[in-house]
Amino acid sequence: NIYHMGWFRQSPGKEREFVAAIHWNGRTTNYLESVRGRFT
């Protein structure tokens, strides 16, 4: 519960890509621009 949590993704032939993260405080978030508004 004191760790920041996040998600990455990787497609064949591509490097691993950051998708989203949430701060340990549970309030602050960060998103890949292409998923902002679609992913939570």
Full PDB file with SEQRES, HELIX, SHEET, SSBOND, CRYST1, ORIGX, SCALE, CONECT and MASTER records, all heavy atoms in Angstrom:
SEQRES   1 A   40  ASN ILE TYR HIS MET GLY TRP PHE ARG GLN SER PRO GLY          
SEQRES   2 A   40  LYS GLU ARG GLU PHE VAL ALA ALA ILE HIS TRP ASN GLY          
SEQRES   3 A   40  ARG THR THR ASN TYR LEU GLU SER VAL ARG GLY ARG PHE          
SEQRES   4 A   40  THR                                                          
SHEET    1 AA1 3 MET A   5  ARG A   9  0                                        
SHEET    2 AA1 3 GLU A  17  ILE A  22 -1                                        
SHEET    3 AA1 3 THR A  29  TYR A  31 -1                                        
CRYST1    1.000    1.000    1.000  90.00  90.00  90.00 P 1           1          
ORIGX1      1.000000  0.000000  0.000000        0.00000                         
ORIGX2      0.000000  1.000000  0.000000        0.00000                         
ORIGX3      0.000000  0.000000  1.000000        0.00000                         
SCALE1      1.000000  0.000000  0.000000        0.00000                         
SCALE2      0.000000  1.000000  0.000000        0.00000                         
SCALE3      0.000000  0.000000  1.000000        0.00000                         
ATOM      1  N   ASN A   1       0.788  -1.219   0.000  1.00  0.00           N  
ATOM      2  CA  ASN A   1       0.000   0.000   0.000  1.00  0.00           C  
ATOM      3  C   ASN A   1       0.824   1.274   0.000  1.00  0.00           C  
ATOM      4  O   ASN A   1       0.256   2.360  -0.139  1.00  0.00           O  
ATOM      5  CB  ASN A   1      -0.972   0.002   1.181  1.00  0.00           C  
ATOM      6  CG  ASN A   1      -2.076  -1.017   1.027  1.00  0.00           C  
ATOM      7  OD1 ASN A   1      -2.378  -1.456  -0.082  1.00  0.00           O  
ATOM      8  ND2 ASN A   1      -2.687  -1.392   2.136  1.00  0.00           N  
ATOM      9  N   ILE A   2       2.129   1.175   0.146  1.00  0.00           N  
ATOM     10  CA  ILE A   2       2.984   2.350   0.023  1.00  0.00           C  
ATOM     11  C   ILE A   2       3.759   2.342  -1.292  1.00  0.00           C  
ATOM     12  O   ILE A   2       4.659   3.155  -1.483  1.00  0.00           O  
ATOM     13  CB  ILE A   2       3.942   2.507   1.214  1.00  0.00           C  
ATOM     14  CG1 ILE A   2       4.918   1.333   1.305  1.00  0.00           C  
ATOM     15  CG2 ILE A   2       3.153   2.663   2.509  1.00  0.00           C  
ATOM     16  CD1 ILE A   2       6.012   1.545   2.340  1.00  0.00           C  
ATOM     17  N   TYR A   3       3.412   1.450  -2.172  1.00  0.00           N  
ATOM     18  CA  TYR A   3       4.013   1.402  -3.499  1.00  0.00           C  
ATOM     19  C   TYR A   3       3.116   2.109  -4.504  1.00  0.00           C  
ATOM     20  O   TYR A   3       1.897   1.960  -4.479  1.00  0.00           O  
ATOM     21  CB  TYR A   3       4.219  -0.041  -3.956  1.00  0.00           C  
ATOM     22  CG  TYR A   3       5.428  -0.730  -3.372  1.00  0.00           C  
ATOM     23  CD1 TYR A   3       5.475  -1.081  -2.039  1.00  0.00           C  
ATOM     24  CD2 TYR A   3       6.521  -1.039  -4.181  1.00  0.00           C  
ATOM     25  CE1 TYR A   3       6.585  -1.712  -1.499  1.00  0.00           C  
ATOM     26  CE2 TYR A   3       7.631  -1.676  -3.652  1.00  0.00           C  
ATOM     27  CZ  TYR A   3       7.658  -2.015  -2.312  1.00  0.00           C  
ATOM     28  OH  TYR A   3       8.757  -2.651  -1.794  1.00  0.00           O  
ATOM     29  N   HIS A   4       3.744   2.851  -5.406  1.00  0.00           N  
ATOM     30  CA  HIS A   4       3.036   3.307  -6.582  1.00  0.00           C  
ATOM     31  C   HIS A   4       2.737   2.087  -7.457  1.00  0.00           C  
ATOM     32  O   HIS A   4       3.539   1.152  -7.531  1.00  0.00           O  
ATOM     33  CB  HIS A   4       3.868   4.307  -7.372  1.00  0.00           C  
ATOM     34  CG  HIS A   4       4.390   5.437  -6.545  1.00  0.00           C  
ATOM     35  ND1 HIS A   4       3.562   6.267  -5.821  1.00  0.00           N  
ATOM     36  CD2 HIS A   4       5.656   5.876  -6.329  1.00  0.00           C  
ATOM     37  CE1 HIS A   4       4.302   7.177  -5.199  1.00  0.00           C  
ATOM     38  NE2 HIS A   4       5.574   6.960  -5.493  1.00  0.00           N  
ATOM     39  N   MET A   5       1.589   2.102  -8.133  1.00  0.00           N  
ATOM     40  CA  MET A   5       1.182   0.996  -8.984  1.00  0.00           C  
ATOM     41  C   MET A   5       0.973   1.498 -10.404  1.00  0.00           C  
ATOM     42  O   MET A   5       0.589   2.649 -10.619  1.00  0.00           O  
ATOM     43  CB  MET A   5      -0.112   0.362  -8.474  1.00  0.00           C  
ATOM     44  CG  MET A   5      -0.047  -0.141  -7.043  1.00  0.00           C  
ATOM     45  SD  MET A   5       1.050  -1.577  -6.853  1.00  0.00           S  
ATOM     46  CE  MET A   5       0.124  -2.815  -7.765  1.00  0.00           C  
ATOM     47  N   GLY A   6       1.210   0.623 -11.365  1.00  0.00           N  
ATOM     48  CA  GLY A   6       1.040   1.036 -12.739  1.00  0.00           C  
ATOM     49  C   GLY A   6       0.858  -0.124 -13.685  1.00  0.00           C  
ATOM     50  O   GLY A   6       0.900  -1.297 -13.290  1.00  0.00           O  
ATOM     51  N   TRP A   7       0.653   0.234 -14.943  1.00  0.00           N  
ATOM     52  CA  TRP A   7       0.489  -0.738 -16.018  1.00  0.00           C  
ATOM     53  C   TRP A   7       1.342  -0.343 -17.208  1.00  0.00           C  
ATOM     54  O   TRP A   7       1.401   0.838 -17.581  1.00  0.00           O  
ATOM     55  CB  TRP A   7      -0.972  -0.833 -16.469  1.00  0.00           C  
ATOM     56  CG  TRP A   7      -1.885  -1.399 -15.429  1.00  0.00           C  
ATOM     57  CD1 TRP A   7      -2.573  -0.723 -14.481  1.00  0.00           C  
ATOM     58  CD2 TRP A   7      -2.201  -2.778 -15.250  1.00  0.00           C  
ATOM     59  NE1 TRP A   7      -3.303  -1.586 -13.707  1.00  0.00           N  
ATOM     60  CE2 TRP A   7      -3.093  -2.859 -14.162  1.00  0.00           C  
ATOM     61  CE3 TRP A   7      -1.830  -3.956 -15.897  1.00  0.00           C  
ATOM     62  CZ2 TRP A   7      -3.611  -4.067 -13.705  1.00  0.00           C  
ATOM     63  CZ3 TRP A   7      -2.346  -5.161 -15.444  1.00  0.00           C  
ATOM     64  CH2 TRP A   7      -3.224  -5.205 -14.362  1.00  0.00           C  
ATOM     65  N   PHE A   8       1.999  -1.339 -17.790  1.00  0.00           N  
ATOM     66  CA  PHE A   8       2.702  -1.213 -19.054  1.00  0.00           C  
ATOM     67  C   PHE A   8       2.112  -2.207 -20.036  1.00  0.00           C  
ATOM     68  O   PHE A   8       1.378  -3.116 -19.641  1.00  0.00           O  
ATOM     69  CB  PHE A   8       4.205  -1.489 -18.885  1.00  0.00           C  
ATOM     70  CG  PHE A   8       4.979  -0.401 -18.206  1.00  0.00           C  
ATOM     71  CD1 PHE A   8       4.768  -0.095 -16.875  1.00  0.00           C  
ATOM     72  CD2 PHE A   8       5.945   0.316 -18.898  1.00  0.00           C  
ATOM     73  CE1 PHE A   8       5.490   0.903 -16.240  1.00  0.00           C  
ATOM     74  CE2 PHE A   8       6.681   1.313 -18.271  1.00  0.00           C  
ATOM     75  CZ  PHE A   8       6.447   1.608 -16.948  1.00  0.00           C  
ATOM     76  N   ARG A   9       2.450  -2.052 -21.304  1.00  0.00           N  
ATOM     77  CA  ARG A   9       2.013  -3.025 -22.302  1.00  0.00           C  
ATOM     78  C   ARG A   9       3.109  -3.216 -23.330  1.00  0.00           C  
ATOM     79  O   ARG A   9       3.950  -2.341 -23.542  1.00  0.00           O  
ATOM     80  CB  ARG A   9       0.713  -2.599 -22.972  1.00  0.00           C  
ATOM     81  CG  ARG A   9       0.808  -1.340 -23.816  1.00  0.00           C  
ATOM     82  CD  ARG A   9      -0.580  -0.907 -24.280  1.00  0.00           C  
ATOM     83  NE  ARG A   9      -0.519   0.262 -25.139  1.00  0.00           N  
ATOM     84  CZ  ARG A   9      -1.584   0.919 -25.577  1.00  0.00           C  
ATOM     85  NH1 ARG A   9      -2.812   0.497 -25.232  1.00  0.00           N  
ATOM     86  NH2 ARG A   9      -1.448   1.974 -26.364  1.00  0.00           N  
ATOM     87  N   GLN A  10       3.075  -4.388 -23.991  1.00  0.00           N  
ATOM     88  CA  GLN A  10       4.068  -4.694 -25.003  1.00  0.00           C  
ATOM     89  C   GLN A  10       3.436  -5.528 -26.109  1.00  0.00           C  
ATOM     90  O   GLN A  10       2.822  -6.556 -25.842  1.00  0.00           O  
ATOM     91  CB  GLN A  10       5.260  -5.438 -24.408  1.00  0.00           C  
ATOM     92  CG  GLN A  10       6.418  -5.603 -25.375  1.00  0.00           C  
ATOM     93  CD  GLN A  10       7.695  -6.025 -24.683  1.00  0.00           C  
ATOM     94  OE1 GLN A  10       7.662  -6.629 -23.614  1.00  0.00           O  
ATOM     95  NE2 GLN A  10       8.827  -5.696 -25.280  1.00  0.00           N  
ATOM     96  N   SER A  11       3.602  -5.070 -27.342  1.00  0.00           N  
ATOM     97  CA  SER A  11       3.148  -5.781 -28.523  1.00  0.00           C  
ATOM     98  C   SER A  11       4.346  -6.403 -29.229  1.00  0.00           C  
ATOM     99  O   SER A  11       5.475  -5.922 -29.086  1.00  0.00           O  
ATOM    100  CB  SER A  11       2.428  -4.833 -29.485  1.00  0.00           C  
ATOM    101  OG  SER A  11       1.293  -4.250 -28.875  1.00  0.00           O  
ATOM    102  N   PRO A  12       4.131  -7.471 -30.013  1.00  0.00           N  
ATOM    103  CA  PRO A  12       5.245  -8.080 -30.747  1.00  0.00           C  
ATOM    104  C   PRO A  12       5.972  -7.062 -31.610  1.00  0.00           C  
ATOM    105  O   PRO A  12       5.349  -6.285 -32.333  1.00  0.00           O  
ATOM    106  CB  PRO A  12       4.564  -9.147 -31.600  1.00  0.00           C  
ATOM    107  CG  PRO A  12       3.336  -9.508 -30.826  1.00  0.00           C  
ATOM    108  CD  PRO A  12       2.876  -8.219 -30.217  1.00  0.00           C  
ATOM    109  N   GLY A  13       7.293  -7.051 -31.516  1.00  0.00           N  
ATOM    110  CA  GLY A  13       8.095  -6.150 -32.305  1.00  0.00           C  
ATOM    111  C   GLY A  13       8.181  -4.737 -31.778  1.00  0.00           C  
ATOM    112  O   GLY A  13       8.808  -3.886 -32.422  1.00  0.00           O  
ATOM    113  N   LYS A  14       7.574  -4.462 -30.636  1.00  0.00           N  
ATOM    114  CA  LYS A  14       7.610  -3.131 -30.054  1.00  0.00           C  
ATOM    115  C   LYS A  14       8.177  -3.194 -28.642  1.00  0.00           C  
ATOM    116  O   LYS A  14       8.105  -4.219 -27.970  1.00  0.00           O  
ATOM    117  CB  LYS A  14       6.216  -2.521 -30.017  1.00  0.00           C  
ATOM    118  CG  LYS A  14       5.570  -2.347 -31.376  1.00  0.00           C  
ATOM    119  CD  LYS A  14       4.205  -1.701 -31.267  1.00  0.00           C  
ATOM    120  CE  LYS A  14       4.300  -0.272 -30.778  1.00  0.00           C  
ATOM    121  NZ  LYS A  14       2.973   0.399 -30.735  1.00  0.00           N  
ATOM    122  N   GLU A  15       8.721  -2.082 -28.194  1.00  0.00           N  
ATOM    123  CA  GLU A  15       9.246  -2.017 -26.839  1.00  0.00           C  
ATOM    124  C   GLU A  15       8.112  -1.827 -25.842  1.00  0.00           C  
ATOM    125  O   GLU A  15       7.008  -1.398 -26.190  1.00  0.00           O  
ATOM    126  CB  GLU A  15      10.272  -0.890 -26.714  1.00  0.00           C  
ATOM    127  CG  GLU A  15       9.699   0.497 -26.933  1.00  0.00           C  
ATOM    128  CD  GLU A  15      10.772   1.566 -26.920  1.00  0.00           C  
ATOM    129  OE1 GLU A  15      11.956   1.231 -27.120  1.00  0.00           O  
ATOM    130  OE2 GLU A  15      10.437   2.746 -26.705  1.00  0.00           O  
ATOM    131  N   ARG A  16       8.390  -2.169 -24.607  1.00  0.00           N  
ATOM    132  CA  ARG A  16       7.391  -2.020 -23.562  1.00  0.00           C  
ATOM    133  C   ARG A  16       7.027  -0.547 -23.395  1.00  0.00           C  
ATOM    134  O   ARG A  16       7.896   0.330 -23.373  1.00  0.00           O  
ATOM    135  CB  ARG A  16       7.912  -2.608 -22.258  1.00  0.00           C  
ATOM    136  CG  ARG A  16       6.852  -2.704 -21.176  1.00  0.00           C  
ATOM    137  CD  ARG A  16       7.323  -3.567 -20.017  1.00  0.00           C  
ATOM    138  NE  ARG A  16       7.471  -4.962 -20.406  1.00  0.00           N  
ATOM    139  CZ  ARG A  16       7.701  -5.944 -19.547  1.00  0.00           C  
ATOM    140  NH1 ARG A  16       7.811  -5.693 -18.253  1.00  0.00           N  
ATOM    141  NH2 ARG A  16       7.835  -7.184 -19.994  1.00  0.00           N  
ATOM    142  N   GLU A  17       5.732  -0.282 -23.247  1.00  0.00           N  
ATOM    143  CA  GLU A  17       5.189   1.059 -23.263  1.00  0.00           C  
ATOM    144  C   GLU A  17       4.418   1.338 -21.977  1.00  0.00           C  
ATOM    145  O   GLU A  17       3.567   0.546 -21.565  1.00  0.00           O  
ATOM    146  CB  GLU A  17       4.266   1.214 -24.472  1.00  0.00           C  
ATOM    147  CG  GLU A  17       3.581   2.555 -24.618  1.00  0.00           C  
ATOM    148  CD  GLU A  17       2.672   2.572 -25.832  1.00  0.00           C  
ATOM    149  OE1 GLU A  17       1.900   1.605 -26.014  1.00  0.00           O  
ATOM    150  OE2 GLU A  17       2.753   3.548 -26.610  1.00  0.00           O  
ATOM    151  N   PHE A  18       4.693   2.470 -21.360  1.00  0.00           N  
ATOM    152  CA  PHE A  18       3.949   2.896 -20.183  1.00  0.00           C  
ATOM    153  C   PHE A  18       2.511   3.210 -20.549  1.00  0.00           C  
ATOM    154  O   PHE A  18       2.252   3.871 -21.559  1.00  0.00           O  
ATOM    155  CB  PHE A  18       4.611   4.131 -19.579  1.00  0.00           C  
ATOM    156  CG  PHE A  18       3.812   4.783 -18.496  1.00  0.00           C  
ATOM    157  CD1 PHE A  18       3.774   4.247 -17.227  1.00  0.00           C  
ATOM    158  CD2 PHE A  18       3.098   5.939 -18.749  1.00  0.00           C  
ATOM    159  CE1 PHE A  18       3.035   4.840 -16.218  1.00  0.00           C  
ATOM    160  CE2 PHE A  18       2.357   6.554 -17.758  1.00  0.00           C  
ATOM    161  CZ  PHE A  18       2.326   5.993 -16.487  1.00  0.00           C  
ATOM    162  N   VAL A  19       1.574   2.765 -19.719  1.00  0.00           N  
ATOM    163  CA  VAL A  19       0.155   2.993 -19.966  1.00  0.00           C  
ATOM    164  C   VAL A  19      -0.464   3.899 -18.907  1.00  0.00           C  
ATOM    165  O   VAL A  19      -1.124   4.892 -19.239  1.00  0.00           O  
ATOM    166  CB  VAL A  19      -0.621   1.662 -20.026  1.00  0.00           C  
ATOM    167  CG1 VAL A  19      -2.119   1.919 -20.185  1.00  0.00           C  
ATOM    168  CG2 VAL A  19      -0.096   0.802 -21.166  1.00  0.00           C  
ATOM    169  N   ALA A  20      -0.283   3.567 -17.643  1.00  0.00           N  
ATOM    170  CA  ALA A  20      -0.942   4.319 -16.578  1.00  0.00           C  
ATOM    171  C   ALA A  20      -0.274   4.034 -15.251  1.00  0.00           C  
ATOM    172  O   ALA A  20       0.342   2.985 -15.062  1.00  0.00           O  
ATOM    173  CB  ALA A  20      -2.431   3.957 -16.491  1.00  0.00           C  
ATOM    174  N   ALA A  21      -0.415   4.962 -14.314  1.00  0.00           N  
ATOM    175  CA  ALA A  21       0.100   4.770 -12.963  1.00  0.00           C  
ATOM    176  C   ALA A  21      -0.798   5.477 -11.969  1.00  0.00           C  
ATOM    177  O   ALA A  21      -1.470   6.462 -12.301  1.00  0.00           O  
ATOM    178  CB  ALA A  21       1.527   5.294 -12.842  1.00  0.00           C  
ATOM    179  N   ILE A  22      -0.801   4.970 -10.745  1.00  0.00           N  
ATOM    180  CA  ILE A  22      -1.533   5.594  -9.652  1.00  0.00           C  
ATOM    181  C   ILE A  22      -0.613   5.689  -8.444  1.00  0.00           C  
ATOM    182  O   ILE A  22       0.073   4.735  -8.081  1.00  0.00           O  
ATOM    183  CB  ILE A  22      -2.838   4.832  -9.334  1.00  0.00           C  
ATOM    184  CG1 ILE A  22      -3.662   5.583  -8.284  1.00  0.00           C  
ATOM    185  CG2 ILE A  22      -2.565   3.396  -8.914  1.00  0.00           C  
ATOM    186  CD1 ILE A  22      -5.100   5.089  -8.183  1.00  0.00           C  
ATOM    187  N   HIS A  23      -0.595   6.857  -7.842  1.00  0.00           N  
ATOM    188  CA  HIS A  23       0.244   7.122  -6.688  1.00  0.00           C  
ATOM    189  C   HIS A  23      -0.205   6.281  -5.494  1.00  0.00           C  
ATOM    190  O   HIS A  23      -1.367   5.872  -5.420  1.00  0.00           O  
ATOM    191  CB  HIS A  23       0.131   8.618  -6.357  1.00  0.00           C  
ATOM    192  CG  HIS A  23       1.224   9.183  -5.517  1.00  0.00           C  
ATOM    193  ND1 HIS A  23       1.218   9.067  -4.142  1.00  0.00           N  
ATOM    194  CD2 HIS A  23       2.343   9.866  -5.843  1.00  0.00           C  
ATOM    195  CE1 HIS A  23       2.283   9.671  -3.663  1.00  0.00           C  
ATOM    196  NE2 HIS A  23       2.981  10.163  -4.667  1.00  0.00           N  
ATOM    197  N   TRP A  24       0.701   6.067  -4.550  1.00  0.00           N  
ATOM    198  CA  TRP A  24       0.304   5.322  -3.350  1.00  0.00           C  
ATOM    199  C   TRP A  24      -0.808   6.021  -2.582  1.00  0.00           C  
ATOM    200  O   TRP A  24      -1.542   5.371  -1.838  1.00  0.00           O  
ATOM    201  CB  TRP A  24       1.497   5.031  -2.434  1.00  0.00           C  
ATOM    202  CG  TRP A  24       2.197   6.237  -1.869  1.00  0.00           C  
ATOM    203  CD1 TRP A  24       3.353   6.793  -2.332  1.00  0.00           C  
ATOM    204  CD2 TRP A  24       1.794   7.011  -0.735  1.00  0.00           C  
ATOM    205  NE1 TRP A  24       3.694   7.878  -1.550  1.00  0.00           N  
ATOM    206  CE2 TRP A  24       2.757   8.030  -0.562  1.00  0.00           C  
ATOM    207  CE3 TRP A  24       0.721   6.948   0.160  1.00  0.00           C  
ATOM    208  CZ2 TRP A  24       2.667   8.975   0.462  1.00  0.00           C  
ATOM    209  CZ3 TRP A  24       0.630   7.888   1.177  1.00  0.00           C  
ATOM    210  CH2 TRP A  24       1.600   8.884   1.322  1.00  0.00           C  
ATOM    211  N   ASN A  25      -0.936   7.346  -2.758  1.00  0.00           N  
ATOM    212  CA  ASN A  25      -2.020   8.059  -2.083  1.00  0.00           C  
ATOM    213  C   ASN A  25      -3.389   7.768  -2.697  1.00  0.00           C  
ATOM    214  O   ASN A  25      -4.411   8.171  -2.146  1.00  0.00           O  
ATOM    215  CB  ASN A  25      -1.750   9.566  -2.031  1.00  0.00           C  
ATOM    216  CG  ASN A  25      -1.713  10.242  -3.394  1.00  0.00           C  
ATOM    217  OD1 ASN A  25      -2.297   9.768  -4.362  1.00  0.00           O  
ATOM    218  ND2 ASN A  25      -1.023  11.376  -3.465  1.00  0.00           N  
ATOM    219  N   GLY A  26      -3.409   7.084  -3.851  1.00  0.00           N  
ATOM    220  CA  GLY A  26      -4.657   6.697  -4.482  1.00  0.00           C  
ATOM    221  C   GLY A  26      -5.393   7.805  -5.196  1.00  0.00           C  
ATOM    222  O   GLY A  26      -6.506   7.579  -5.694  1.00  0.00           O  
ATOM    223  N   ARG A  27      -4.807   8.979  -5.274  1.00  0.00           N  
ATOM    224  CA  ARG A  27      -5.490  10.121  -5.876  1.00  0.00           C  
ATOM    225  C   ARG A  27      -4.833  10.606  -7.162  1.00  0.00           C  
ATOM    226  O   ARG A  27      -5.530  10.947  -8.114  1.00  0.00           O  
ATOM    227  CB  ARG A  27      -5.540  11.279  -4.875  1.00  0.00           C  
ATOM    228  CG  ARG A  27      -6.323  10.959  -3.609  1.00  0.00           C  
ATOM    229  CD  ARG A  27      -6.481  12.181  -2.739  1.00  0.00           C  
ATOM    230  NE  ARG A  27      -5.208  12.700  -2.266  1.00  0.00           N  
ATOM    231  CZ  ARG A  27      -4.580  12.289  -1.165  1.00  0.00           C  
ATOM    232  NH1 ARG A  27      -5.106  11.326  -0.425  1.00  0.00           N  
ATOM    233  NH2 ARG A  27      -3.424  12.841  -0.816  1.00  0.00           N  
ATOM    234  N   THR A  28      -3.524  10.635  -7.185  1.00  0.00           N  
ATOM    235  CA  THR A  28      -2.808  11.148  -8.335  1.00  0.00           C  
ATOM    236  C   THR A  28      -2.611  10.050  -9.368  1.00  0.00           C  
ATOM    237  O   THR A  28      -2.204   8.936  -9.027  1.00  0.00           O  
ATOM    238  CB  THR A  28      -1.448  11.711  -7.915  1.00  0.00           C  
ATOM    239  OG1 THR A  28      -1.633  12.658  -6.857  1.00  0.00           O  
ATOM    240  CG2 THR A  28      -0.755  12.393  -9.083  1.00  0.00           C  
ATOM    241  N   THR A  29      -2.910  10.350 -10.638  1.00  0.00           N  
ATOM    242  CA  THR A  29      -2.762   9.380 -11.710  1.00  0.00           C  
ATOM    243  C   THR A  29      -1.970   9.972 -12.860  1.00  0.00           C  
ATOM    244  O   THR A  29      -1.836  11.191 -12.988  1.00  0.00           O  
ATOM    245  CB  THR A  29      -4.122   8.895 -12.221  1.00  0.00           C  
ATOM    246  OG1 THR A  29      -4.900  10.018 -12.645  1.00  0.00           O  
ATOM    247  CG2 THR A  29      -4.872   8.150 -11.129  1.00  0.00           C  
ATOM    248  N   ASN A  30      -1.467   9.082 -13.716  1.00  0.00           N  
ATOM    249  CA  ASN A  30      -0.683   9.461 -14.872  1.00  0.00           C  
ATOM    250  C   ASN A  30      -1.039   8.488 -15.997  1.00  0.00           C  
ATOM    251  O   ASN A  30      -1.126   7.284 -15.757  1.00  0.00           O  
ATOM    252  CB  ASN A  30       0.811   9.397 -14.544  1.00  0.00           C  
ATOM    253  CG  ASN A  30       1.693  10.019 -15.602  1.00  0.00           C  
ATOM    254  OD1 ASN A  30       1.226  10.655 -16.539  1.00  0.00           O  
ATOM    255  ND2 ASN A  30       3.008   9.841 -15.450  1.00  0.00           N  
ATOM    256  N   TYR A  31      -1.241   9.004 -17.213  1.00  0.00           N  
ATOM    257  CA  TYR A  31      -1.684   8.179 -18.330  1.00  0.00           C  
ATOM    258  C   TYR A  31      -0.894   8.456 -19.595  1.00  0.00           C  
ATOM    259  O   TYR A  31      -0.508   9.600 -19.870  1.00  0.00           O  
ATOM    260  CB  TYR A  31      -3.155   8.433 -18.665  1.00  0.00           C  
ATOM    261  CG  TYR A  31      -4.131   7.999 -17.614  1.00  0.00           C  
ATOM    262  CD1 TYR A  31      -4.634   8.908 -16.688  1.00  0.00           C  
ATOM    263  CD2 TYR A  31      -4.572   6.680 -17.551  1.00  0.00           C  
ATOM    264  CE1 TYR A  31      -5.543   8.512 -15.726  1.00  0.00           C  
ATOM    265  CE2 TYR A  31      -5.479   6.279 -16.584  1.00  0.00           C  
ATOM    266  CZ  TYR A  31      -5.961   7.199 -15.677  1.00  0.00           C  
ATOM    267  OH  TYR A  31      -6.866   6.809 -14.719  1.00  0.00           O  
ATOM    268  N   LEU A  32      -0.698   7.391 -20.375  1.00  0.00           N  
ATOM    269  CA  LEU A  32      -0.285   7.546 -21.752  1.00  0.00           C  
ATOM    270  C   LEU A  32      -1.340   8.376 -22.483  1.00  0.00           C  
ATOM    271  O   LEU A  32      -2.547   8.146 -22.321  1.00  0.00           O  
ATOM    272  CB  LEU A  32      -0.146   6.166 -22.393  1.00  0.00           C  
ATOM    273  CG  LEU A  32       0.171   6.079 -23.874  1.00  0.00           C  
ATOM    274  CD1 LEU A  32       1.581   6.576 -24.155  1.00  0.00           C  
ATOM    275  CD2 LEU A  32       0.003   4.640 -24.351  1.00  0.00           C  
ATOM    276  N   GLU A  33      -0.918   9.322 -23.293  1.00  0.00           N  
ATOM    277  CA  GLU A  33      -1.846  10.231 -23.931  1.00  0.00           C  
ATOM    278  C   GLU A  33      -2.906   9.503 -24.758  1.00  0.00           C  
ATOM    279  O   GLU A  33      -4.081   9.893 -24.741  1.00  0.00           O  
ATOM    280  CB  GLU A  33      -1.092  11.234 -24.812  1.00  0.00           C  
ATOM    281  CG  GLU A  33      -1.970  12.329 -25.390  1.00  0.00           C  
ATOM    282  CD  GLU A  33      -2.550  13.232 -24.326  1.00  0.00           C  
ATOM    283  OE1 GLU A  33      -1.925  13.378 -23.254  1.00  0.00           O  
ATOM    284  OE2 GLU A  33      -3.636  13.795 -24.553  1.00  0.00           O  
ATOM    285  N   SER A  34      -2.532   8.439 -25.440  1.00  0.00           N  
ATOM    286  CA  SER A  34      -3.469   7.755 -26.318  1.00  0.00           C  
ATOM    287  C   SER A  34      -4.556   6.980 -25.576  1.00  0.00           C  
ATOM    288  O   SER A  34      -5.541   6.568 -26.194  1.00  0.00           O  
ATOM    289  CB  SER A  34      -2.721   6.806 -27.267  1.00  0.00           C  
ATOM    290  OG  SER A  34      -2.072   5.776 -26.551  1.00  0.00           O  
ATOM    291  N   VAL A  35      -4.404   6.776 -24.274  1.00  0.00           N  
ATOM    292  CA  VAL A  35      -5.432   6.080 -23.504  1.00  0.00           C  
ATOM    293  C   VAL A  35      -6.180   7.005 -22.558  1.00  0.00           C  
ATOM    294  O   VAL A  35      -7.189   6.589 -21.973  1.00  0.00           O  
ATOM    295  CB  VAL A  35      -4.862   4.883 -22.712  1.00  0.00           C  
ATOM    296  CG1 VAL A  35      -4.042   3.978 -23.613  1.00  0.00           C  
ATOM    297  CG2 VAL A  35      -4.037   5.345 -21.510  1.00  0.00           C  
ATOM    298  N   ARG A  36      -5.722   8.219 -22.403  1.00  0.00           N  
ATOM    299  CA  ARG A  36      -6.376   9.153 -21.492  1.00  0.00           C  
ATOM    300  C   ARG A  36      -7.822   9.385 -21.930  1.00  0.00           C  
ATOM    301  O   ARG A  36      -8.098   9.640 -23.097  1.00  0.00           O  
ATOM    302  CB  ARG A  36      -5.611  10.476 -21.432  1.00  0.00           C  
ATOM    303  CG  ARG A  36      -6.172  11.463 -20.412  1.00  0.00           C  
ATOM    304  CD  ARG A  36      -5.285  12.709 -20.255  1.00  0.00           C  
ATOM    305  NE  ARG A  36      -4.054  12.414 -19.521  1.00  0.00           N  
ATOM    306  CZ  ARG A  36      -2.840  12.429 -20.054  1.00  0.00           C  
ATOM    307  NH1 ARG A  36      -2.687  12.728 -21.341  1.00  0.00           N  
ATOM    308  NH2 ARG A  36      -1.789  12.145 -19.310  1.00  0.00           N  
ATOM    309  N   GLY A  37      -8.743   9.276 -20.981  1.00  0.00           N  
ATOM    310  CA  GLY A  37     -10.158   9.404 -21.278  1.00  0.00           C  
ATOM    311  C   GLY A  37     -10.834   8.093 -21.605  1.00  0.00           C  
ATOM    312  O   GLY A  37     -12.073   8.023 -21.577  1.00  0.00           O  
ATOM    313  N   ARG A  38     -10.061   7.061 -21.922  1.00  0.00           N  
ATOM    314  CA  ARG A  38     -10.613   5.733 -22.197  1.00  0.00           C  
ATOM    315  C   ARG A  38     -10.288   4.738 -21.087  1.00  0.00           C  
ATOM    316  O   ARG A  38     -11.106   3.879 -20.770  1.00  0.00           O  
ATOM    317  CB  ARG A  38     -10.078   5.187 -23.516  1.00  0.00           C  
ATOM    318  CG  ARG A  38     -10.453   6.031 -24.729  1.00  0.00           C  
ATOM    319  CD  ARG A  38     -10.082   5.315 -26.030  1.00  0.00           C  
ATOM    320  NE  ARG A  38      -8.643   5.111 -26.148  1.00  0.00           N  
ATOM    321  CZ  ARG A  38      -8.062   3.919 -26.262  1.00  0.00           C  
ATOM    322  NH1 ARG A  38      -8.796   2.809 -26.280  1.00  0.00           N  
ATOM    323  NH2 ARG A  38      -6.737   3.830 -26.382  1.00  0.00           N  
ATOM    324  N   PHE A  39      -9.090   4.843 -20.520  1.00  0.00           N  
ATOM    325  CA  PHE A  39      -8.647   3.934 -19.463  1.00  0.00           C  
ATOM    326  C   PHE A  39      -8.675   4.654 -18.121  1.00  0.00           C  
ATOM    327  O   PHE A  39      -8.387   5.859 -18.044  1.00  0.00           O  
ATOM    328  CB  PHE A  39      -7.218   3.452 -19.709  1.00  0.00           C  
ATOM    329  CG  PHE A  39      -7.030   2.548 -20.897  1.00  0.00           C  
ATOM    330  CD1 PHE A  39      -8.035   2.323 -21.821  1.00  0.00           C  
ATOM    331  CD2 PHE A  39      -5.806   1.915 -21.081  1.00  0.00           C  
ATOM    332  CE1 PHE A  39      -7.840   1.491 -22.911  1.00  0.00           C  
ATOM    333  CE2 PHE A  39      -5.601   1.079 -22.161  1.00  0.00           C  
ATOM    334  CZ  PHE A  39      -6.606   0.862 -23.078  1.00  0.00           C  
ATOM    335  N   THR A  40      -8.980   3.911 -17.073  1.00  0.00           N  
ATOM    336  CA  THR A  40      -8.963   4.449 -15.723  1.00  0.00           C  
ATOM    337  C   THR A  40      -8.227   3.487 -14.804  1.00  0.00           C  
ATOM    338  O   THR A  40      -8.591   2.312 -14.708  1.00  0.00           O  
ATOM    339  CB  THR A  40     -10.380   4.672 -15.186  1.00  0.00           C  
ATOM    340  OG1 THR A  40     -11.096   5.561 -16.056  1.00  0.00           O  
ATOM    341  CG2 THR A  40     -10.331   5.285 -13.791  1.00  0.00           C  
TER     342      THR A  40                                                      
MASTER        0    0    0    0    3    0    0    6  341    1    0    4          
END                                                                             
